[in-house]
Amino acid sequence: MKISVFGLGYVGAVSCACLPELGHSVIGVDTNPLKVQMINAGHSPVVEEGINELITAAVQAGQLQATDDVNFAVLNSDVSLISVATPSRANYTPDLTAVDAV
């Protein structure tokens, strides 16, 4: 399956690293150009044991790429996962601003 993952923080980066291990092709999406560059260079933007090896293998196998182009990601995937920050507001409701931006 072709999967796009929006947000390359801890949840998104780990998802991008693990989904290719299950046979999926993944497009990681982020507004931060450094995170996109790191993934495309085979490096993780987050610290997690074993993640660099998984990302390197997936990029080299052509199963993982990253972009800041939302349209490209959606048009080239069967399903999209959103893994962006949803901090709590002062009234304990989630701030969905980042989700709405996707």
Protein backbone atom coordinates (compact mmCIF):
# COMPACT_ATOMS: atom_id res chain seq x y z
CA MET A 1 0.00 0.00 0.00
CA LYS A 2 1.14 3.57 -0.65
CA ILE A 3 0.94 5.63 2.56
CA SER A 4 1.61 9.30 3.22
CA VAL A 5 2.50 10.38 6.75
CA PHE A 6 1.94 14.03 7.65
CA GLY A 7 4.32 15.22 10.34
CA LEU A 8 7.88 13.96 10.76
CA GLY A 9 8.16 14.29 14.53
CA TYR A 10 8.48 11.29 16.84
CA VAL A 11 5.27 9.52 15.78
CA GLY A 12 5.57 10.35 12.09
CA ALA A 13 9.26 9.54 11.75
CA VAL A 14 8.86 6.19 13.50
CA SER A 15 5.86 5.40 11.29
CA CYS A 16 7.92 6.28 8.21
CA ALA A 17 10.68 3.99 9.42
CA CYS A 18 8.48 1.00 10.31
CA LEU A 19 5.81 0.91 7.59
CA PRO A 20 8.30 -0.01 4.82
CA GLU A 21 9.34 -3.00 6.96
CA LEU A 22 5.78 -4.25 6.44
CA GLY A 23 6.06 -3.83 2.67
CA HIS A 24 4.47 -0.40 2.28
CA SER A 25 5.76 2.55 0.26
CA VAL A 26 5.78 5.75 2.31
CA ILE A 27 5.88 9.47 1.60
CA GLY A 28 6.69 11.55 4.66
CA VAL A 29 5.40 15.12 4.64
CA ASP A 30 6.57 18.05 6.74
CA THR A 31 6.79 21.84 6.51
CA ASN A 32 10.28 21.77 8.04
CA PRO A 33 12.77 21.49 5.16
CA LEU A 34 15.49 20.11 7.45
CA LYS A 35 13.32 17.12 8.42
CA VAL A 36 12.51 16.47 4.75
CA GLN A 37 16.20 16.66 3.80
CA MET A 38 17.21 14.35 6.64
CA ILE A 39 14.71 11.64 5.66
CA ASN A 40 15.71 11.86 1.99
CA ALA A 41 19.37 11.52 3.03
CA GLY A 42 18.51 8.37 4.99
CA HIS A 43 18.71 9.94 8.45
CA SER A 44 16.13 10.30 11.19
CA PRO A 45 15.01 13.74 12.38
CA VAL A 46 14.36 12.21 15.84
CA VAL A 47 16.42 10.14 18.24
CA GLU A 48 15.10 6.60 18.59
CA GLU A 49 17.08 3.38 18.85
CA GLY A 50 17.43 1.65 15.48
CA ILE A 51 15.51 4.25 13.50
CA ASN A 52 18.45 5.45 11.39
CA GLU A 53 19.07 1.93 10.10
CA LEU A 54 15.39 1.49 9.19
CA ILE A 55 15.18 4.84 7.43
CA THR A 56 18.43 4.28 5.55
CA ALA A 57 17.26 0.85 4.35
CA ALA A 58 13.83 2.15 3.30
CA VAL A 59 15.26 5.12 1.38
CA GLN A 60 17.84 2.91 -0.36
CA ALA A 61 15.10 0.42 -1.29
CA GLY A 62 12.97 3.21 -2.78
CA GLN A 63 10.21 2.62 -0.23
CA LEU A 64 10.56 5.95 1.60
CA GLN A 65 10.80 9.54 0.49
CA ALA A 66 9.95 12.87 2.09
CA THR A 67 8.50 16.09 0.71
CA ASP A 68 6.86 19.35 1.67
CA ASP A 69 4.43 19.00 -1.26
CA VAL A 70 1.05 18.08 0.21
CA ASN A 71 -0.62 17.58 -3.18
CA PHE A 72 2.13 15.25 -4.40
CA ALA A 73 1.83 13.15 -1.24
CA VAL A 74 -1.96 12.84 -1.35
CA LEU A 75 -2.12 12.12 -5.08
CA ASN A 76 0.54 9.41 -4.76
CA SER A 77 -0.86 7.54 -1.77
CA ASP A 78 -3.78 5.26 -1.02
CA VAL A 79 -4.13 6.46 2.56
CA SER A 80 -2.82 9.42 4.57
CA LEU A 81 -1.94 9.44 8.26
CA ILE A 82 -1.81 12.68 10.24
CA SER A 83 0.71 12.76 13.08
CA VAL A 84 1.09 16.42 13.94
CA ALA A 85 1.15 18.14 17.33
CA THR A 86 -2.15 18.56 19.18
CA PRO A 87 -1.22 20.32 22.42
CA SER A 88 -3.81 20.98 25.11
CA ARG A 89 -5.28 24.42 25.54
CA ALA A 90 -5.74 26.06 28.94
CA ASN A 91 -9.27 24.57 29.10
CA TYR A 92 -7.85 21.06 28.38
CA THR A 93 -9.33 20.81 24.90
CA PRO A 94 -6.95 19.86 22.09
CA ASP A 95 -5.55 22.58 19.86
CA LEU A 96 -6.21 21.17 16.39
CA THR A 97 -4.59 24.04 14.49
CA ALA A 98 -1.87 21.80 13.03
CA VAL A 99 -4.42 19.15 12.00
CA ASP A 100 -6.56 21.78 10.28
CA ALA A 101 -3.48 22.99 8.39
CA VAL A 102 -3.06 19.55 6.79
